[in-house]
Amino acid sequence: NTEGISLPLSNTKDFIISFDIKFTFNGSVSVVLETTEKGPPFVIHYVTSTQLIAFKDRDITYGLGPRTTWTTVTRDLLTDLRKGIGLSNTKAVKATKTMPRRVVKLILRGRGAIDNITISTTSHMAAFFAASDWLVRNQDERGGWPIMVTRKLGEGFRPLEPGWYSAMAQGQAMSTLVRAYLLTKDETYLKSALKATGPYKLPSEQHGVKAVFMNKYDWYEEYPTTPSSFVLNGFIYSLIGLYDLAQTVGDRDGREAAQLYSKGMESLKAMVPLYDTGSGTIYDLRHFMLGIAPNLARWDYHTTHINQLQLLASIDNSPIFRDFVKRWKSYLKGGRAKHN
């Protein structure tokens, strides 16, 4: 019935929930949460639909997709609560301050079975393998994970229509899958990581992620826009994924990933000076591509750039990375480049 089956929990300390679920038809698992906000509790619904996320009144809905075979679901209730509230168009709830106080109960609706319900403080490994398995299940025939939302990077760039790939997402997926393989030795994860190089080889206009700067330097686009945008942090994440893959699979199977990585590093070493303002860094190269004002990196992105170059300096002894890390760190303390 619509009331469902209720399981009282009354947990006030732990907010990571995990359960095994199998539905024979449509169904849902709902978690009732008391929070620091006044008023009735919030209810987070995990439903067998393909809808990503929705928020109305105090109901937050996440689509899990069909679950007709036994699968494990692990969710961080604090994250799901705040993401849902963040969709609100009003200022009545401050998403950054809302905290869960008590998991009141679990409500089951539909036809199916549930088992192994646990609530814990952390569940990092379960979340890691849930993400790894999702990547394997949802990779398409091109080796990518299409992003099914429209992305408008800014005036002057053609909007990216649903179905585009991101080199940053591809790289981070590779890094995740490689680690899943190293932990389990399950070749399924490694095969998926190898397949993920596919979009790197195709130009953006051919549904890939590759751009070429000044007809010379290959660049893997976080946002494969027209014209190209050359976002720095996303490009470096894409390189880290290629490095992880090449180092794991070795010379024979990893040759393609190693070549893509090498070409990308050559581009980065040549182009990283373009992102230095003398007092900070630049997020992308729209000022060059569109002839407009530069898109200055916020300080959190600036520190990301520093951290990324520090990581690269640990695997590549080129002095350019150490030199730029030193200078960019000085900008955090008010340092400035010399003037004439």
C-alpha atoms as a PDB file:
ATOM      1  CA  ASN A   1       0.000   0.000   0.000  1.00  0.00           C
ATOM      2  CA  THR A   2       0.997   3.660  -0.184  1.00  0.00           C
ATOM      3  CA  GLU A   3       1.872   3.735   3.511  1.00  0.00           C
ATOM      4  CA  GLY A   4       4.562   1.121   2.996  1.00  0.00           C
ATOM      5  CA  ILE A   5       6.381  -0.896   5.634  1.00  0.00           C
ATOM      6  CA  SER A   6       8.065   1.122   8.351  1.00  0.00           C
ATOM      7  CA  LEU A   7      11.215   0.229  10.291  1.00  0.00           C
ATOM      8  CA  PRO A   8      11.904   2.517  13.311  1.00  0.00           C
ATOM      9  CA  LEU A   9      15.592   3.412  13.701  1.00  0.00           C
ATOM     10  CA  SER A  10      15.961   6.472  15.954  1.00  0.00           C
ATOM     11  CA  ASN A  11      19.703   6.802  15.358  1.00  0.00           C
ATOM     12  CA  THR A  12      21.255  10.111  16.407  1.00  0.00           C
ATOM     13  CA  LYS A  13      24.978   9.615  15.758  1.00  0.00           C
ATOM     14  CA  ASP A  14      25.557   7.895  12.413  1.00  0.00           C
ATOM     15  CA  PHE A  15      24.340   9.036   9.006  1.00  0.00           C
ATOM     16  CA  ILE A  16      25.821   6.634   6.446  1.00  0.00           C
ATOM     17  CA  ILE A  17      23.125   4.137   5.497  1.00  0.00           C
ATOM     18  CA  SER A  18      23.672   0.947   3.540  1.00  0.00           C
ATOM     19  CA  PHE A  19      21.316  -1.843   2.485  1.00  0.00           C
ATOM     20  CA  ASP A  20      20.963  -4.650  -0.040  1.00  0.00           C
ATOM     21  CA  ILE A  21      17.880  -4.262  -2.224  1.00  0.00           C
ATOM     22  CA  LYS A  22      16.042  -6.168  -4.925  1.00  0.00           C
ATOM     23  CA  PHE A  23      12.755  -5.023  -6.451  1.00  0.00           C
ATOM     24  CA  THR A  24      10.508  -7.202  -8.582  1.00  0.00           C
ATOM     25  CA  PHE A  25       8.772  -4.059  -9.829  1.00  0.00           C
ATOM     26  CA  ASN A  26       8.911  -0.345  -9.076  1.00  0.00           C
ATOM     27  CA  GLY A  27       9.596   0.605  -5.508  1.00  0.00           C
ATOM     28  CA  SER A  28      11.336   2.964  -3.115  1.00  0.00           C
ATOM     29  CA  VAL A  29      13.247   3.177   0.123  1.00  0.00           C
ATOM     30  CA  SER A  30      12.563   6.366   2.103  1.00  0.00           C
ATOM     31  CA  VAL A  31      14.546   7.704   5.039  1.00  0.00           C
ATOM     32  CA  VAL A  32      12.850  10.091   7.468  1.00  0.00           C
ATOM     33  CA  LEU A  33      15.299  12.604   8.936  1.00  0.00           C
ATOM     34  CA  GLU A  34      14.900  15.074  11.753  1.00  0.00           C
ATOM     35  CA  THR A  35      17.233  18.004  11.134  1.00  0.00           C
ATOM     36  CA  THR A  36      18.376  21.255  12.676  1.00  0.00           C
ATOM     37  CA  GLU A  37      15.687  23.060  10.648  1.00  0.00           C
ATOM     38  CA  LYS A  38      12.400  23.850  12.343  1.00  0.00           C
ATOM     39  CA  GLY A  39       9.275  22.179  11.048  1.00  0.00           C
ATOM     40  CA  PRO A  40       8.465  18.642   9.893  1.00  0.00           C
ATOM     41  CA  PRO A  41      11.244  16.171   9.090  1.00  0.00           C
ATOM     42  CA  PHE A  42      12.813  15.833   5.671  1.00  0.00           C
ATOM     43  CA  VAL A  43      12.237  12.597   3.764  1.00  0.00           C
ATOM     44  CA  ILE A  44      14.854  11.298   1.343  1.00  0.00           C
ATOM     45  CA  HIS A  45      13.370   8.887  -1.219  1.00  0.00           C
ATOM     46  CA  TYR A  46      15.536   6.458  -3.181  1.00  0.00           C
ATOM     47  CA  VAL A  47      13.352   5.311  -6.069  1.00  0.00           C
ATOM     48  CA  THR A  48      13.597   2.915  -9.014  1.00  0.00           C
ATOM     49  CA  SER A  49      13.557   5.634 -11.654  1.00  0.00           C
ATOM     50  CA  THR A  50      16.191   7.291 -13.809  1.00  0.00           C
ATOM     51  CA  GLN A  51      15.517  10.786 -12.446  1.00  0.00           C
ATOM     52  CA  LEU A  52      18.727  12.159 -10.996  1.00  0.00           C
ATOM     53  CA  ILE A  53      17.406  14.337  -8.168  1.00  0.00           C
ATOM     54  CA  ALA A  54      14.298  16.334  -7.253  1.00  0.00           C
ATOM     55  CA  PHE A  55      13.241  18.497  -4.323  1.00  0.00           C
ATOM     56  CA  LYS A  56       9.739  19.596  -3.310  1.00  0.00           C
ATOM     57  CA  ASP A  57       8.609  20.843   0.072  1.00  0.00           C
ATOM     58  CA  ARG A  58      10.454  18.491   2.470  1.00  0.00           C
ATOM     59  CA  ASP A  59      10.783  15.572   0.049  1.00  0.00           C
ATOM     60  CA  ILE A  60      14.104  14.870  -1.674  1.00  0.00           C
ATOM     61  CA  THR A  61      14.129  12.197  -4.385  1.00  0.00           C
ATOM     62  CA  TYR A  62      17.064  10.341  -5.910  1.00  0.00           C
ATOM     63  CA  GLY A  63      16.680   7.889  -8.793  1.00  0.00           C
ATOM     64  CA  LEU A  64      18.553   4.605  -8.357  1.00  0.00           C
ATOM     65  CA  GLY A  65      17.526   3.097 -11.686  1.00  0.00           C
ATOM     66  CA  PRO A  66      16.029  -0.390 -11.966  1.00  0.00           C
ATOM     67  CA  ARG A  67      17.136  -2.696  -9.154  1.00  0.00           C
ATOM     68  CA  THR A  68      15.787  -6.075 -10.274  1.00  0.00           C
ATOM     69  CA  THR A  69      18.821  -8.016  -9.035  1.00  0.00           C
ATOM     70  CA  TRP A  70      20.448  -7.849  -5.621  1.00  0.00           C
ATOM     71  CA  THR A  71      22.588  -4.710  -5.308  1.00  0.00           C
ATOM     72  CA  THR A  72      24.083  -2.818  -2.415  1.00  0.00           C
ATOM     73  CA  VAL A  73      23.107   0.829  -1.914  1.00  0.00           C
ATOM     74  CA  THR A  74      25.307   3.041   0.274  1.00  0.00           C
ATOM     75  CA  ARG A  75      24.339   6.675   0.826  1.00  0.00           C
ATOM     76  CA  ASP A  76      25.657   9.575   2.867  1.00  0.00           C
ATOM     77  CA  LEU A  77      22.466  11.086   4.286  1.00  0.00           C
ATOM     78  CA  LEU A  78      24.130  14.419   5.111  1.00  0.00           C
ATOM     79  CA  THR A  79      25.318  14.828   1.514  1.00  0.00           C
ATOM     80  CA  ASP A  80      21.979  13.745   0.052  1.00  0.00           C
ATOM     81  CA  LEU A  81      20.116  16.088   2.404  1.00  0.00           C
ATOM     82  CA  ARG A  82      22.216  19.116   1.499  1.00  0.00           C
ATOM     83  CA  LYS A  83      22.215  18.415  -2.224  1.00  0.00           C
ATOM     84  CA  GLY A  84      18.441  18.180  -2.187  1.00  0.00           C
ATOM     85  CA  ILE A  85      17.959  21.357  -0.197  1.00  0.00           C
ATOM     86  CA  GLY A  86      20.385  23.094  -2.533  1.00  0.00           C
ATOM     87  CA  LEU A  87      17.833  22.717  -5.327  1.00  0.00           C
ATOM     88  CA  SER A  88      15.421  25.025  -3.495  1.00  0.00           C
ATOM     89  CA  ASN A  89      14.674  28.294  -5.276  1.00  0.00           C
ATOM     90  CA  THR A  90      13.876  30.017  -2.003  1.00  0.00           C
ATOM     91  CA  LYS A  91      16.131  31.350   0.742  1.00  0.00           C
ATOM     92  CA  ALA A  92      14.096  29.724   3.495  1.00  0.00           C
ATOM     93  CA  VAL A  93      16.664  26.982   4.110  1.00  0.00           C
ATOM     94  CA  LYS A  94      20.405  27.508   4.340  1.00  0.00           C
ATOM     95  CA  ALA A  95      21.838  24.391   2.724  1.00  0.00           C
ATOM     96  CA  THR A  96      25.325  24.787   4.137  1.00  0.00           C
ATOM     97  CA  LYS A  97      24.096  24.787   7.737  1.00  0.00           C
ATOM     98  CA  THR A  98      21.414  22.121   7.730  1.00  0.00           C
ATOM     99  CA  MET A  99      22.446  19.046   9.706  1.00  0.00           C
ATOM    100  CA  PRO A 100      20.650  15.758  10.375  1.00  0.00           C
ATOM    101  CA  ARG A 101      19.822  15.145  14.031  1.00  0.00           C
ATOM    102  CA  ARG A 102      18.096  11.776  13.960  1.00  0.00           C
ATOM    103  CA  VAL A 103      17.321   9.019  11.492  1.00  0.00           C
ATOM    104  CA  VAL A 104      13.710   8.454  12.491  1.00  0.00           C
ATOM    105  CA  LYS A 105      12.745   5.477  10.352  1.00  0.00           C
ATOM    106  CA  LEU A 106      12.984   3.636   7.061  1.00  0.00           C
ATOM    107  CA  ILE A 107       9.907   3.218   4.866  1.00  0.00           C
ATOM    108  CA  LEU A 108       9.705   0.562   2.139  1.00  0.00           C
ATOM    109  CA  ARG A 109       7.230   0.699  -0.739  1.00  0.00           C
ATOM    110  CA  GLY A 110       6.703  -1.523  -3.762  1.00  0.00           C
ATOM    111  CA  ARG A 111       7.443  -5.197  -4.287  1.00  0.00           C
ATOM    112  CA  GLY A 112      10.819  -6.618  -3.447  1.00  0.00           C
ATOM    113  CA  ALA A 113      13.176  -7.506  -0.643  1.00  0.00           C
ATOM    114  CA  ILE A 114      15.699  -5.696   1.546  1.00  0.00           C
ATOM    115  CA  ASP A 115      18.505  -7.051   3.688  1.00  0.00           C
ATOM    116  CA  ASN A 116      21.624  -6.038   5.645  1.00  0.00           C
ATOM    117  CA  ILE A 117      20.422  -2.587   6.701  1.00  0.00           C
ATOM    118  CA  THR A 118      23.264  -0.799   8.495  1.00  0.00           C
ATOM    119  CA  ILE A 119      23.921   2.725   9.709  1.00  0.00           C
ATOM    120  CA  SER A 120      27.506   3.723  10.358  1.00  0.00           C
ATOM    121  CA  THR A 121      29.778   6.716  10.845  1.00  0.00           C
ATOM    122  CA  THR A 122      31.798   6.009   7.695  1.00  0.00           C
ATOM    123  CA  SER A 123      31.618   3.569   4.829  1.00  0.00           C
ATOM    124  CA  HIS A 124      34.353   4.710   2.491  1.00  0.00           C
ATOM    125  CA  MET A 125      35.183   1.339   0.965  1.00  0.00           C
ATOM    126  CA  ALA A 126      31.553   0.507   0.246  1.00  0.00           C
ATOM    127  CA  ALA A 127      31.061   3.908  -1.381  1.00  0.00           C
ATOM    128  CA  PHE A 128      34.257   3.432  -3.390  1.00  0.00           C
ATOM    129  CA  PHE A 129      33.161   0.094  -4.825  1.00  0.00           C
ATOM    130  CA  ALA A 130      29.633   1.368  -5.422  1.00  0.00           C
ATOM    131  CA  ALA A 131      31.167   4.139  -7.541  1.00  0.00           C
ATOM    132  CA  SER A 132      33.546   1.721  -9.301  1.00  0.00           C
ATOM    133  CA  ASP A 133      30.747  -0.705 -10.150  1.00  0.00           C
ATOM    134  CA  TRP A 134      28.555   2.161 -11.355  1.00  0.00           C
ATOM    135  CA  LEU A 135      31.316   3.241 -13.731  1.00  0.00           C
ATOM    136  CA  VAL A 136      31.574  -0.267 -15.173  1.00  0.00           C
ATOM    137  CA  ARG A 137      27.796  -0.571 -15.609  1.00  0.00           C
ATOM    138  CA  ASN A 138      27.270   2.841 -17.167  1.00  0.00           C
ATOM    139  CA  GLN A 139      30.219   3.157 -19.556  1.00  0.00           C
ATOM    140  CA  ASP A 140      29.012   3.487 -23.141  1.00  0.00           C
ATOM    141  CA  GLU A 141      30.308   1.835 -26.296  1.00  0.00           C
ATOM    142  CA  ARG A 142      32.710   4.731 -26.962  1.00  0.00           C
ATOM    143  CA  GLY A 143      34.362   4.266 -23.586  1.00  0.00           C
ATOM    144  CA  GLY A 144      32.837   7.376 -22.080  1.00  0.00           C
ATOM    145  CA  TRP A 145      30.375   8.412 -19.414  1.00  0.00           C
ATOM    146  CA  PRO A 146      28.084  10.901 -21.185  1.00  0.00           C
ATOM    147  CA  ILE A 147      26.954  13.863 -19.108  1.00  0.00           C
ATOM    148  CA  MET A 148      23.229  14.211 -19.613  1.00  0.00           C
ATOM    149  CA  VAL A 149      22.756  17.890 -18.808  1.00  0.00           C
ATOM    150  CA  THR A 150      23.236  21.053 -20.845  1.00  0.00           C
ATOM    151  CA  ARG A 151      26.343  23.006 -19.854  1.00  0.00           C
ATOM    152  CA  LYS A 152      26.756  26.682 -20.665  1.00  0.00           C
ATOM    153  CA  LEU A 153      30.324  27.708 -19.960  1.00  0.00           C
ATOM    154  CA  GLY A 154      29.770  31.361 -20.726  1.00  0.00           C
ATOM    155  CA  GLU A 155      28.947  33.940 -23.342  1.00  0.00           C
ATOM    156  CA  GLY A 156      30.721  33.221 -26.602  1.00  0.00           C
ATOM    157  CA  PHE A 157      30.793  29.443 -26.131  1.00  0.00           C
ATOM    158  CA  ARG A 158      28.275  27.190 -27.811  1.00  0.00           C
ATOM    159  CA  PRO A 159      26.300  25.301 -25.111  1.00  0.00           C
ATOM    160  CA  LEU A 160      27.198  21.657 -24.633  1.00  0.00           C
ATOM    161  CA  GLU A 161      24.098  19.577 -25.273  1.00  0.00           C
ATOM    162  CA  PRO A 162      23.328  16.476 -23.159  1.00  0.00           C
ATOM    163  CA  GLY A 163      25.578  13.551 -24.018  1.00  0.00           C
ATOM    164  CA  TRP A 164      28.944  15.328 -23.973  1.00  0.00           C
ATOM    165  CA  TYR A 165      32.082  13.833 -22.464  1.00  0.00           C
ATOM    166  CA  SER A 166      34.477  15.510 -20.043  1.00  0.00           C
ATOM    167  CA  ALA A 167      38.193  14.660 -20.041  1.00  0.00           C
ATOM    168  CA  MET A 168      38.252  15.448 -16.324  1.00  0.00           C
ATOM    169  CA  ALA A 169      35.485  12.902 -15.668  1.00  0.00           C
ATOM    170  CA  GLN A 170      37.222  10.359 -17.881  1.00  0.00           C
ATOM    171  CA  GLY A 171      40.509  10.818 -16.037  1.00  0.00           C
ATOM    172  CA  GLN A 172      38.994  10.616 -12.576  1.00  0.00           C
ATOM    173  CA  ALA A 173      37.038   7.517 -13.612  1.00  0.00           C
ATOM    174  CA  MET A 174      40.292   5.908 -14.791  1.00  0.00           C
ATOM    175  CA  SER A 175      41.961   6.686 -11.465  1.00  0.00           C
ATOM    176  CA  THR A 176      39.027   5.135  -9.600  1.00  0.00           C
ATOM    177  CA  LEU A 177      38.857   2.004 -11.759  1.00  0.00           C
ATOM    178  CA  VAL A 178      42.604   1.416 -11.584  1.00  0.00           C
ATOM    179  CA  ARG A 179      42.454   1.480  -7.789  1.00  0.00           C
ATOM    180  CA  ALA A 180      39.497  -0.921  -7.798  1.00  0.00           C
ATOM    181  CA  TYR A 181      41.561  -3.284  -9.960  1.00  0.00           C
ATOM    182  CA  LEU A 182      44.605  -3.024  -7.711  1.00  0.00           C
ATOM    183  CA  LEU A 183      42.480  -3.908  -4.683  1.00  0.00           C
ATOM    184  CA  THR A 184      40.611  -6.830  -6.278  1.00  0.00           C
ATOM    185  CA  LYS A 185      42.651  -7.928  -9.324  1.00  0.00           C
ATOM    186  CA  ASP A 186      39.315  -8.032 -11.135  1.00  0.00           C
ATOM    187  CA  GLU A 187      40.114  -7.477 -14.832  1.00  0.00           C
ATOM    188  CA  THR A 188      36.657  -5.965 -15.390  1.00  0.00           C
ATOM    189  CA  TYR A 189      37.785  -2.726 -13.778  1.00  0.00           C
ATOM    190  CA  LEU A 190      40.993  -2.586 -15.795  1.00  0.00           C
ATOM    191  CA  LYS A 191      39.231  -3.243 -19.095  1.00  0.00           C
ATOM    192  CA  SER A 192      36.835  -0.391 -18.346  1.00  0.00           C
ATOM    193  CA  ALA A 193      39.735   1.940 -17.539  1.00  0.00           C
ATOM    194  CA  LEU A 194      41.506   1.022 -20.801  1.00  0.00           C
ATOM    195  CA  LYS A 195      38.327   1.616 -22.789  1.00  0.00           C
ATOM    196  CA  ALA A 196      38.006   5.075 -21.199  1.00  0.00           C
ATOM    197  CA  THR A 197      40.838   6.439 -23.366  1.00  0.00           C
ATOM    198  CA  GLY A 198      38.462   6.429 -26.354  1.00  0.00           C
ATOM    199  CA  PRO A 199      37.194  10.044 -26.125  1.00  0.00           C
ATOM    200  CA  TYR A 200      40.779  11.341 -25.714  1.00  0.00           C
ATOM    201  CA  LYS A 201      41.535  10.310 -29.289  1.00  0.00           C
ATOM    202  CA  LEU A 202      38.644  12.142 -30.921  1.00  0.00           C
ATOM    203  CA  PRO A 203      38.363  15.914 -31.519  1.00  0.00           C
ATOM    204  CA  SER A 204      35.652  17.730 -29.603  1.00  0.00           C
ATOM    205  CA  GLU A 205      33.662  18.286 -32.788  1.00  0.00           C
ATOM    206  CA  GLN A 206      33.587  14.496 -33.302  1.00  0.00           C
ATOM    207  CA  HIS A 207      32.150  13.800 -29.850  1.00  0.00           C
ATOM    208  CA  GLY A 208      35.551  13.491 -28.214  1.00  0.00           C
ATOM    209  CA  VAL A 209      37.491  15.689 -25.795  1.00  0.00           C
ATOM    210  CA  LYS A 210      40.632  16.602 -27.717  1.00  0.00           C
ATOM    211  CA  ALA A 211      41.468  20.160 -28.703  1.00  0.00           C
ATOM    212  CA  VAL A 212      44.671  21.450 -30.281  1.00  0.00           C
ATOM    213  CA  PHE A 213      46.139  24.786 -29.203  1.00  0.00           C
ATOM    214  CA  MET A 214      47.710  26.872 -31.950  1.00  0.00           C
ATOM    215  CA  ASN A 215      47.649  23.812 -34.231  1.00  0.00           C
ATOM    216  CA  LYS A 216      50.421  22.263 -32.122  1.00  0.00           C
ATOM    217  CA  TYR A 217      49.578  21.243 -28.552  1.00  0.00           C
ATOM    218  CA  ASP A 218      47.074  18.485 -27.750  1.00  0.00           C
ATOM    219  CA  TRP A 219      44.727  19.335 -24.884  1.00  0.00           C
ATOM    220  CA  TYR A 220      42.039  17.185 -23.272  1.00  0.00           C
ATOM    221  CA  GLU A 221      39.035  19.348 -22.547  1.00  0.00           C
ATOM    222  CA  GLU A 222      37.063  19.340 -19.306  1.00  0.00           C
ATOM    223  CA  TYR A 223      34.417  21.108 -21.369  1.00  0.00           C
ATOM    224  CA  PRO A 224      34.736  20.255 -25.094  1.00  0.00           C
ATOM    225  CA  THR A 225      33.310  23.606 -26.148  1.00  0.00           C
ATOM    226  CA  THR A 226      33.245  25.470 -29.437  1.00  0.00           C
ATOM    227  CA  PRO A 227      35.542  27.354 -29.484  1.00  0.00           C
ATOM    228  CA  SER A 228      37.884  25.406 -27.208  1.00  0.00           C
ATOM    229  CA  SER A 229      38.157  26.634 -23.612  1.00  0.00           C
ATOM    230  CA  PHE A 230      41.374  24.989 -22.292  1.00  0.00           C
ATOM    231  CA  VAL A 231      40.409  24.676 -18.616  1.00  0.00           C
ATOM    232  CA  LEU A 232      43.602  24.023 -16.656  1.00  0.00           C
ATOM    233  CA  ASN A 233      42.509  21.989 -13.628  1.00  0.00           C
ATOM    234  CA  GLY A 234      40.322  19.625 -15.652  1.00  0.00           C
ATOM    235  CA  PHE A 235      43.143  18.978 -18.099  1.00  0.00           C
ATOM    236  CA  ILE A 236      45.543  18.056 -15.300  1.00  0.00           C
ATOM    237  CA  TYR A 237      42.995  15.670 -13.762  1.00  0.00           C
ATOM    238  CA  SER A 238      42.701  14.002 -17.168  1.00  0.00           C
ATOM    239  CA  LEU A 239      46.488  13.564 -17.272  1.00  0.00           C
ATOM    240  CA  ILE A 240      46.588  12.041 -13.789  1.00  0.00           C
ATOM    241  CA  GLY A 241      44.067   9.416 -14.914  1.00  0.00           C
ATOM    242  CA  LEU A 242      46.192   8.545 -17.938  1.00  0.00           C
ATOM    243  CA  TYR A 243      49.288   8.299 -15.749  1.00  0.00           C
ATOM    244  CA  ASP A 244      47.553   5.983 -13.260  1.00  0.00           C
ATOM    245  CA  LEU A 245      46.396   3.735 -16.083  1.00  0.00           C
ATOM    246  CA  ALA A 246      49.719   3.618 -17.925  1.00  0.00           C
ATOM    247  CA  GLN A 247      51.635   2.837 -14.733  1.00  0.00           C
ATOM    248  CA  THR A 248      49.243   0.037 -13.800  1.00  0.00           C
ATOM    249  CA  VAL A 249      48.948  -1.873 -17.066  1.00  0.00           C
ATOM    250  CA  GLY A 250      52.571  -1.637 -18.190  1.00  0.00           C
ATOM    251  CA  ASP A 251      54.224  -1.110 -21.551  1.00  0.00           C
ATOM    252  CA  ARG A 252      52.225  -3.491 -23.728  1.00  0.00           C
ATOM    253  CA  ASP A 253      48.602  -2.699 -22.847  1.00  0.00           C
ATOM    254  CA  GLY A 254      49.362   0.779 -21.548  1.00  0.00           C
ATOM    255  CA  ARG A 255      51.185   2.091 -24.604  1.00  0.00           C
ATOM    256  CA  GLU A 256      48.227   4.140 -25.827  1.00  0.00           C
ATOM    257  CA  ALA A 257      47.574   5.719 -22.433  1.00  0.00           C
ATOM    258  CA  ALA A 258      51.279   6.467 -22.067  1.00  0.00           C
ATOM    259  CA  GLN A 259      51.374   8.200 -25.457  1.00  0.00           C
ATOM    260  CA  LEU A 260      48.325  10.306 -24.642  1.00  0.00           C
ATOM    261  CA  TYR A 261      49.883  11.229 -21.297  1.00  0.00           C
ATOM    262  CA  SER A 262      53.202  12.141 -22.901  1.00  0.00           C
ATOM    263  CA  LYS A 263      51.547  14.383 -25.492  1.00  0.00           C
ATOM    264  CA  GLY A 264      49.479  16.044 -22.784  1.00  0.00           C
ATOM    265  CA  MET A 265      52.478  16.679 -20.542  1.00  0.00           C
ATOM    266  CA  GLU A 266      54.338  18.222 -23.463  1.00  0.00           C
ATOM    267  CA  SER A 267      51.419  20.605 -23.943  1.00  0.00           C
ATOM    268  CA  LEU A 268      51.177  21.427 -20.245  1.00  0.00           C
ATOM    269  CA  LYS A 269      54.868  22.302 -19.948  1.00  0.00           C
ATOM    270  CA  ALA A 270      54.599  24.608 -22.940  1.00  0.00           C
ATOM    271  CA  MET A 271      51.310  26.234 -21.960  1.00  0.00           C
ATOM    272  CA  VAL A 272      51.344  26.541 -18.158  1.00  0.00           C
ATOM    273  CA  PRO A 273      52.970  30.025 -18.339  1.00  0.00           C
ATOM    274  CA  LEU A 274      49.808  31.240 -20.103  1.00  0.00           C
ATOM    275  CA  TYR A 275      47.867  30.718 -16.863  1.00  0.00           C
ATOM    276  CA  ASP A 276      50.116  32.939 -14.712  1.00  0.00           C
ATOM    277  CA  THR A 277      48.825  36.498 -14.148  1.00  0.00           C
ATOM    278  CA  GLY A 278      51.746  37.634 -12.016  1.00  0.00           C
ATOM    279  CA  SER A 279      49.491  37.714  -8.956  1.00  0.00           C
ATOM    280  CA  GLY A 280      47.351  34.600  -9.359  1.00  0.00           C
ATOM    281  CA  THR A 281      46.257  32.109 -11.984  1.00  0.00           C
ATOM    282  CA  ILE A 282      43.691  31.904 -14.767  1.00  0.00           C
ATOM    283  CA  TYR A 283      40.968  29.258 -14.927  1.00  0.00           C
ATOM    284  CA  ASP A 284      40.902  28.865 -18.708  1.00  0.00           C
ATOM    285  CA  LEU A 285      41.992  30.596 -21.914  1.00  0.00           C
ATOM    286  CA  ARG A 286      38.750  32.253 -22.936  1.00  0.00           C
ATOM    287  CA  HIS A 287      40.515  35.618 -23.065  1.00  0.00           C
ATOM    288  CA  PHE A 288      42.683  34.229 -25.853  1.00  0.00           C
ATOM    289  CA  MET A 289      39.988  32.245 -27.657  1.00  0.00           C
ATOM    290  CA  LEU A 290      37.246  34.893 -27.455  1.00  0.00           C
ATOM    291  CA  GLY A 291      39.261  38.108 -27.078  1.00  0.00           C
ATOM    292  CA  ILE A 292      37.537  39.019 -23.808  1.00  0.00           C
ATOM    293  CA  ALA A 293      38.674  39.677 -20.231  1.00  0.00           C
ATOM    294  CA  PRO A 294      40.496  36.751 -18.567  1.00  0.00           C
ATOM    295  CA  ASN A 295      38.600  34.365 -16.310  1.00  0.00           C
ATOM    296  CA  LEU A 296      40.648  34.716 -13.123  1.00  0.00           C
ATOM    297  CA  ALA A 297      40.826  31.620 -10.931  1.00  0.00           C
ATOM    298  CA  ARG A 298      39.279  31.916  -7.470  1.00  0.00           C
ATOM    299  CA  TRP A 299      41.711  31.214  -4.646  1.00  0.00           C
ATOM    300  CA  ASP A 300      40.324  27.699  -4.169  1.00  0.00           C
ATOM    301  CA  TYR A 301      41.030  26.966  -7.821  1.00  0.00           C
ATOM    302  CA  HIS A 302      44.432  28.635  -7.488  1.00  0.00           C
ATOM    303  CA  THR A 303      45.337  26.287  -4.631  1.00  0.00           C
ATOM    304  CA  THR A 304      44.028  23.375  -6.706  1.00  0.00           C
ATOM    305  CA  HIS A 305      46.425  24.395  -9.482  1.00  0.00           C
ATOM    306  CA  ILE A 306      49.276  24.430  -6.963  1.00  0.00           C
ATOM    307  CA  ASN A 307      48.363  21.030  -5.537  1.00  0.00           C
ATOM    308  CA  GLN A 308      48.092  19.535  -9.005  1.00  0.00           C
ATOM    309  CA  LEU A 309      51.508  20.826 -10.064  1.00  0.00           C
ATOM    310  CA  GLN A 310      53.008  19.566  -6.803  1.00  0.00           C
ATOM    311  CA  LEU A 311      51.664  16.119  -7.611  1.00  0.00           C
ATOM    312  CA  LEU A 312      53.078  16.247 -11.141  1.00  0.00           C
ATOM    313  CA  ALA A 313      56.442  17.381  -9.757  1.00  0.00           C
ATOM    314  CA  SER A 314      56.546  14.150  -7.752  1.00  0.00           C
ATOM    315  CA  ILE A 315      56.347  12.029 -10.918  1.00  0.00           C
ATOM    316  CA  ASP A 316      58.146  14.305 -13.410  1.00  0.00           C
ATOM    317  CA  ASN A 317      61.463  15.973 -12.601  1.00  0.00           C
ATOM    318  CA  SER A 318      60.994  18.861 -15.017  1.00  0.00           C
ATOM    319  CA  PRO A 319      61.932  22.044 -13.106  1.00  0.00           C
ATOM    320  CA  ILE A 320      58.996  23.971 -14.594  1.00  0.00           C
ATOM    321  CA  PHE A 321      56.551  22.414 -12.127  1.00  0.00           C
ATOM    322  CA  ARG A 322      58.669  23.173  -9.058  1.00  0.00           C
ATOM    323  CA  ASP A 323      59.301  26.729 -10.266  1.00  0.00           C
ATOM    324  CA  PHE A 324      55.628  27.466 -10.845  1.00  0.00           C
ATOM    325  CA  VAL A 325      54.588  25.887  -7.540  1.00  0.00           C
ATOM    326  CA  LYS A 326      57.017  28.163  -5.709  1.00  0.00           C
ATOM    327  CA  ARG A 327      55.823  31.294  -7.508  1.00  0.00           C
ATOM    328  CA  TRP A 328      52.120  30.461  -7.267  1.00  0.00           C
ATOM    329  CA  LYS A 329      52.456  29.751  -3.555  1.00  0.00           C
ATOM    330  CA  SER A 330      53.998  33.202  -3.121  1.00  0.00           C
ATOM    331  CA  TYR A 331      50.842  34.750  -4.631  1.00  0.00           C
ATOM    332  CA  LEU A 332      48.854  33.309  -1.710  1.00  0.00           C
ATOM    333  CA  LYS A 333      50.931  35.537   0.596  1.00  0.00           C
ATOM    334  CA  GLY A 334      50.587  38.675  -1.489  1.00  0.00           C
ATOM    335  CA  GLY A 335      53.571  38.075  -3.755  1.00  0.00           C
ATOM    336  CA  ARG A 336      53.618  39.748  -7.129  1.00  0.00           C
ATOM    337  CA  ALA A 337      55.729  39.412 -10.252  1.00  0.00           C
ATOM    338  CA  LYS A 338      58.192  42.195 -10.982  1.00  0.00           C
ATOM    339  CA  HIS A 339      56.988  45.120 -13.048  1.00  0.00           C
ATOM    340  CA  ASN A 340      58.861  47.398 -15.457  1.00  0.00           C
END
